[in-house]
């Protein structure tokens, strides 16, 4: 007779429903086709949908903002290639939830 499977531990969420380490805000400046963009993902499942050419692939900013290499994305070999055409620099800023609702962790990647 098979042993019963152990129950998964319950995930503890904060009073704002975000878990520590969750992305709470993404800010882009002069990134690909965007001048300025701020988006605040929800605390649970998030989907990005839209017609071709509407900027869905720009969500690759998350990977770059978290320290990923541009080659990983298969679009360019340098971070500077993601700067909006005609601009000298841009940035990606990602805000993560800390251990409490008031604590935030900011990650920024400046591109030139």
C-alpha atoms as a PDB file:
ATOM      1  CA  UNK A   1       0.000   0.000   0.000  1.00  0.00           C
ATOM      2  CA  UNK A   2       1.377   3.391  -0.980  1.00  0.00           C
ATOM      3  CA  UNK A   3       2.161   5.925   1.692  1.00  0.00           C
ATOM      4  CA  UNK A   4       0.053   9.087   1.647  1.00  0.00           C
ATOM      5  CA  UNK A   5       1.759  12.043   0.014  1.00  0.00           C
ATOM      6  CA  UNK A   6       2.919  14.792   2.317  1.00  0.00           C
ATOM      7  CA  UNK A   7       0.917  17.985   2.103  1.00  0.00           C
ATOM      8  CA  UNK A   8       2.612  20.980   0.560  1.00  0.00           C
ATOM      9  CA  UNK A   9       3.397  23.730   3.036  1.00  0.00           C
ATOM     10  CA  UNK A  10       0.939  26.616   2.926  1.00  0.00           C
ATOM     11  CA  UNK A  11       2.388  29.723   1.307  1.00  0.00           C
ATOM     12  CA  UNK A  12       2.257  32.711   3.600  1.00  0.00           C
ATOM     13  CA  UNK A  13       1.101  35.901   1.914  1.00  0.00           C
ATOM     14  CA  UNK A  14       1.188  39.376   3.411  1.00  0.00           C
ATOM     15  CA  UNK A  15      -1.857  41.461   4.236  1.00  0.00           C
ATOM     16  CA  UNK A  16      -1.585  42.977   0.738  1.00  0.00           C
ATOM     17  CA  UNK A  17      -1.693  39.409  -0.736  1.00  0.00           C
ATOM     18  CA  UNK A  18       1.877  39.665  -2.116  1.00  0.00           C
ATOM     19  CA  UNK A  19       4.543  37.193  -1.067  1.00  0.00           C
ATOM     20  CA  UNK A  20       8.013  38.486  -0.133  1.00  0.00           C
ATOM     21  CA  UNK A  21      10.023  38.764  -3.349  1.00  0.00           C
ATOM     22  CA  UNK A  22       6.979  39.366  -5.583  1.00  0.00           C
ATOM     23  CA  UNK A  23       7.324  42.011  -8.295  1.00  0.00           C
ATOM     24  CA  UNK A  24       5.064  44.904  -7.281  1.00  0.00           C
ATOM     25  CA  UNK A  25       6.049  47.456  -9.939  1.00  0.00           C
ATOM     26  CA  UNK A  26       7.945  47.628 -13.234  1.00  0.00           C
ATOM     27  CA  UNK A  27       9.098  50.994 -14.547  1.00  0.00           C
ATOM     28  CA  UNK A  28      10.628  51.446 -18.003  1.00  0.00           C
ATOM     29  CA  UNK A  29      12.170  54.621 -19.420  1.00  0.00           C
ATOM     30  CA  UNK A  30      13.320  54.759 -23.064  1.00  0.00           C
ATOM     31  CA  UNK A  31      13.098  50.989 -23.304  1.00  0.00           C
ATOM     32  CA  UNK A  32      12.437  49.558 -26.789  1.00  0.00           C
ATOM     33  CA  UNK A  33       9.307  51.390 -28.007  1.00  0.00           C
ATOM     34  CA  UNK A  34       8.318  52.970 -24.671  1.00  0.00           C
ATOM     35  CA  UNK A  35       9.063  56.518 -23.517  1.00  0.00           C
ATOM     36  CA  UNK A  36       7.829  55.915 -19.977  1.00  0.00           C
ATOM     37  CA  UNK A  37       5.811  52.993 -18.683  1.00  0.00           C
ATOM     38  CA  UNK A  38       4.822  51.970 -15.171  1.00  0.00           C
ATOM     39  CA  UNK A  39       2.859  48.820 -14.511  1.00  0.00           C
ATOM     40  CA  UNK A  40       1.854  47.181 -11.275  1.00  0.00           C
ATOM     41  CA  UNK A  41       1.310  43.435 -11.629  1.00  0.00           C
ATOM     42  CA  UNK A  42      -1.309  41.834  -9.421  1.00  0.00           C
ATOM     43  CA  UNK A  43      -0.366  39.579  -6.550  1.00  0.00           C
ATOM     44  CA  UNK A  44      -1.397  36.373  -8.303  1.00  0.00           C
ATOM     45  CA  UNK A  45      -1.528  35.268 -11.961  1.00  0.00           C
ATOM     46  CA  UNK A  46      -0.786  37.937 -14.584  1.00  0.00           C
ATOM     47  CA  UNK A  47      -1.214  37.498 -18.339  1.00  0.00           C
ATOM     48  CA  UNK A  48       0.061  39.774 -21.096  1.00  0.00           C
ATOM     49  CA  UNK A  49      -2.143  39.698 -24.179  1.00  0.00           C
ATOM     50  CA  UNK A  50      -2.459  41.950 -27.194  1.00  0.00           C
ATOM     51  CA  UNK A  51      -2.172  42.123 -30.974  1.00  0.00           C
ATOM     52  CA  UNK A  52       1.126  41.751 -32.823  1.00  0.00           C
ATOM     53  CA  UNK A  53       3.354  44.787 -32.448  1.00  0.00           C
ATOM     54  CA  UNK A  54       1.689  46.046 -29.272  1.00  0.00           C
ATOM     55  CA  UNK A  55       4.773  45.647 -27.034  1.00  0.00           C
ATOM     56  CA  UNK A  56       4.244  42.279 -25.347  1.00  0.00           C
ATOM     57  CA  UNK A  57       7.882  41.309 -25.914  1.00  0.00           C
ATOM     58  CA  UNK A  58       8.941  44.384 -23.984  1.00  0.00           C
ATOM     59  CA  UNK A  59       8.212  42.392 -20.863  1.00  0.00           C
ATOM     60  CA  UNK A  60      11.691  40.963 -21.428  1.00  0.00           C
ATOM     61  CA  UNK A  61      12.665  44.045 -19.400  1.00  0.00           C
ATOM     62  CA  UNK A  62      11.881  41.941 -16.337  1.00  0.00           C
ATOM     63  CA  UNK A  63      14.702  39.517 -17.192  1.00  0.00           C
ATOM     64  CA  UNK A  64      17.161  42.349 -17.849  1.00  0.00           C
ATOM     65  CA  UNK A  65      16.085  44.241 -14.731  1.00  0.00           C
ATOM     66  CA  UNK A  66      16.706  41.161 -12.603  1.00  0.00           C
ATOM     67  CA  UNK A  67      20.238  40.835 -13.973  1.00  0.00           C
ATOM     68  CA  UNK A  68      19.714  38.490 -16.919  1.00  0.00           C
ATOM     69  CA  UNK A  69      22.095  38.593 -19.857  1.00  0.00           C
ATOM     70  CA  UNK A  70      20.758  40.103 -23.111  1.00  0.00           C
ATOM     71  CA  UNK A  71      21.864  36.993 -25.043  1.00  0.00           C
ATOM     72  CA  UNK A  72      19.361  34.995 -22.983  1.00  0.00           C
ATOM     73  CA  UNK A  73      16.531  36.877 -24.707  1.00  0.00           C
ATOM     74  CA  UNK A  74      17.840  36.233 -28.212  1.00  0.00           C
ATOM     75  CA  UNK A  75      17.184  39.780 -29.441  1.00  0.00           C
ATOM     76  CA  UNK A  76      20.508  41.555 -28.898  1.00  0.00           C
ATOM     77  CA  UNK A  77      23.965  40.974 -27.455  1.00  0.00           C
ATOM     78  CA  UNK A  78      24.198  44.163 -25.372  1.00  0.00           C
ATOM     79  CA  UNK A  79      21.813  45.846 -22.954  1.00  0.00           C
ATOM     80  CA  UNK A  80      22.318  49.139 -24.813  1.00  0.00           C
ATOM     81  CA  UNK A  81      20.553  47.674 -27.850  1.00  0.00           C
ATOM     82  CA  UNK A  82      17.287  47.851 -25.877  1.00  0.00           C
ATOM     83  CA  UNK A  83      17.474  51.651 -25.516  1.00  0.00           C
ATOM     84  CA  UNK A  84      14.748  53.340 -27.549  1.00  0.00           C
ATOM     85  CA  UNK A  85      15.937  54.425 -30.991  1.00  0.00           C
ATOM     86  CA  UNK A  86      17.129  58.050 -30.961  1.00  0.00           C
ATOM     87  CA  UNK A  87      17.748  58.140 -27.190  1.00  0.00           C
ATOM     88  CA  UNK A  88      21.134  58.044 -25.431  1.00  0.00           C
ATOM     89  CA  UNK A  89      20.083  55.998 -22.400  1.00  0.00           C
ATOM     90  CA  UNK A  90      17.207  54.373 -20.586  1.00  0.00           C
ATOM     91  CA  UNK A  91      16.509  52.379 -17.473  1.00  0.00           C
ATOM     92  CA  UNK A  92      14.544  49.504 -16.022  1.00  0.00           C
ATOM     93  CA  UNK A  93      13.445  49.711 -12.393  1.00  0.00           C
ATOM     94  CA  UNK A  94      11.821  46.756 -10.678  1.00  0.00           C
ATOM     95  CA  UNK A  95      10.287  46.948  -7.215  1.00  0.00           C
ATOM     96  CA  UNK A  96      10.017  43.784  -5.145  1.00  0.00           C
ATOM     97  CA  UNK A  97       7.971  43.319  -1.992  1.00  0.00           C
ATOM     98  CA  UNK A  98      10.086  42.895   1.111  1.00  0.00           C
ATOM     99  CA  UNK A  99       9.196  40.991   4.268  1.00  0.00           C
ATOM    100  CA  UNK A 100       6.449  43.501   5.111  1.00  0.00           C
ATOM    101  CA  UNK A 101       4.009  45.656   3.138  1.00  0.00           C
ATOM    102  CA  UNK A 102       6.110  48.739   3.900  1.00  0.00           C
ATOM    103  CA  UNK A 103       9.454  47.198   2.905  1.00  0.00           C
ATOM    104  CA  UNK A 104      10.455  47.450  -0.764  1.00  0.00           C
ATOM    105  CA  UNK A 105      13.531  46.308  -2.647  1.00  0.00           C
ATOM    106  CA  UNK A 106      14.489  48.335  -5.718  1.00  0.00           C
ATOM    107  CA  UNK A 107      16.540  46.949  -8.596  1.00  0.00           C
ATOM    108  CA  UNK A 108      17.639  49.282 -11.374  1.00  0.00           C
ATOM    109  CA  UNK A 109      19.475  48.615 -14.616  1.00  0.00           C
ATOM    110  CA  UNK A 110      20.687  51.692 -16.491  1.00  0.00           C
ATOM    111  CA  UNK A 111      21.321  51.149 -20.190  1.00  0.00           C
ATOM    112  CA  UNK A 112      23.545  53.267 -22.445  1.00  0.00           C
END
